[in-house]
Protein backbone atom coordinates (compact mmCIF):
# COMPACT_ATOMS: atom_id res chain seq x y z
CA MET A 1 -45.33 -44.50 18.89
CA ASP A 2 -44.49 -41.90 16.20
CA LEU A 3 -46.98 -41.65 13.34
CA GLY A 4 -45.10 -38.86 11.57
CA THR A 5 -47.66 -36.24 12.53
CA SER A 6 -46.76 -33.04 14.31
CA THR A 7 -47.48 -32.69 17.99
CA TYR A 8 -49.10 -29.72 19.63
CA ASP A 9 -45.69 -28.13 20.32
CA GLU A 10 -44.52 -28.31 16.72
CA ASN A 11 -45.55 -25.69 14.16
CA PRO A 12 -46.32 -27.48 10.88
CA MET A 13 -45.79 -24.26 8.90
CA LYS A 14 -42.30 -23.72 10.26
CA THR A 15 -39.56 -25.35 8.24
CA SER A 16 -35.88 -25.61 8.96
CA GLU A 17 -34.98 -24.62 5.42
CA LYS A 18 -34.41 -21.00 4.59
CA PRO A 19 -36.52 -19.64 1.75
CA LYS A 20 -34.67 -19.60 -1.51
CA THR A 21 -34.22 -16.21 -3.09
CA ALA A 22 -33.96 -15.93 -6.82
CA GLU A 23 -31.34 -13.75 -8.33
CA ALA A 24 -33.40 -10.83 -9.52
CA ASP A 25 -32.33 -8.44 -12.21
CA THR A 26 -32.85 -4.79 -11.59
CA SER A 27 -35.36 -3.01 -13.75
CA SER A 28 -32.61 -1.22 -15.65
CA GLU A 29 -30.97 -4.55 -16.50
CA LEU A 30 -34.28 -5.92 -17.71
CA ALA A 31 -34.84 -2.79 -19.77
CA LYS A 32 -31.41 -3.13 -21.38
CA LYS A 33 -32.06 -6.78 -22.19
CA SER A 34 -35.44 -5.91 -23.68
CA GLN A 35 -33.89 -3.18 -25.81
CA GLU A 36 -31.19 -5.55 -27.07
CA VAL A 37 -33.76 -8.18 -27.99
CA PHE A 38 -35.83 -5.54 -29.77
CA ARG A 39 -32.82 -4.21 -31.68
CA LYS A 40 -31.87 -7.71 -32.82
CA GLU A 41 -35.36 -8.88 -33.77
CA MET A 42 -36.74 -5.73 -35.36
CA PRO A 43 -34.67 -5.88 -38.59
CA GLN A 44 -35.48 -9.59 -38.99
CA PHE A 45 -39.17 -8.88 -38.54
CA MET A 46 -39.05 -6.03 -41.07
CA VAL A 47 -37.38 -8.24 -43.71
CA GLN A 48 -39.89 -11.00 -43.03
CA TYR A 49 -42.74 -8.51 -43.45
CA LEU A 50 -41.34 -7.02 -46.66
CA ASN A 51 -40.72 -10.44 -48.21
CA SER A 52 -44.39 -10.67 -49.14
CA TYR A 53 -43.90 -7.56 -51.32
CA TRP A 54 -40.79 -9.07 -52.91
CA LYS A 55 -42.56 -12.17 -54.27
CA PRO A 56 -43.69 -12.25 -57.91
CA GLU A 57 -47.26 -13.02 -56.78
CA CYS A 58 -47.55 -9.53 -55.28
CA LYS A 59 -49.68 -7.43 -57.62
CA VAL A 60 -49.85 -4.11 -55.74
CA GLY A 61 -46.81 -2.41 -54.24
CA ARG A 62 -44.32 -5.00 -55.48
CA ILE A 63 -40.64 -4.39 -54.71
CA THR A 64 -38.79 -5.16 -57.93
CA THR A 65 -35.08 -4.67 -57.20
CA THR A 66 -32.75 -5.84 -54.46
CA GLU A 67 -31.52 -2.28 -54.03
CA ASP A 68 -35.07 -1.04 -53.39
CA PHE A 69 -35.73 -3.88 -50.94
CA LYS A 70 -32.59 -3.17 -48.93
CA HIS A 71 -33.21 0.57 -48.91
CA LEU A 72 -36.83 0.18 -47.82
CA ALA A 73 -35.97 -2.37 -45.11
CA HIS A 74 -33.21 -0.10 -43.78
CA LYS A 75 -35.37 3.05 -43.78
CA LEU A 76 -38.39 1.40 -42.18
CA THR A 77 -36.31 -0.33 -39.52
CA HIS A 78 -34.52 2.87 -38.54
CA SER A 79 -37.73 4.91 -38.58
CA ILE A 80 -39.48 2.47 -36.25
CA MET A 81 -36.42 2.25 -33.98
CA ASN A 82 -36.23 6.05 -33.72
CA LYS A 83 -39.94 6.28 -32.96
CA VAL A 84 -39.72 3.66 -30.22
CA LEU A 85 -36.60 5.19 -28.67
CA SER A 86 -38.13 8.67 -28.68
CA THR A 87 -41.25 7.29 -27.03
CA ILE A 88 -39.09 5.62 -24.39
CA ARG A 89 -37.30 8.91 -23.71
CA THR A 90 -40.67 10.68 -23.40
CA LEU A 91 -42.19 8.07 -21.06
CA GLY A 92 -38.95 7.60 -19.18
CA THR A 93 -38.80 3.82 -19.15
CA TRP A 94 -38.71 0.81 -21.42
CA SER A 95 -41.04 -1.27 -19.25
CA THR A 96 -44.01 1.01 -19.96
CA MET A 97 -43.55 0.34 -23.67
CA ARG A 98 -43.92 -3.42 -23.21
CA THR A 99 -47.38 -3.22 -21.62
């Protein structure tokens, strides 16, 4: 009579299925993806941040013209990007920046 339990000869930890391996990206591919995400999201974040200084309710440091807003967003975005990229070059890897 078979109760579905393993006998002494059978190893319950041994399975007939092979372990599935996930397709892993190399660290350089992950670094490139992280850099691309950063490059795409950074300008959007900067505009979102500067929007609070664009509103009429802002009393101190208000940005009054569209030209000033665009110039400031462009300069700040590029300054931060250059700083991050120079730090990456110094440290040697993107992954150390994310921690």
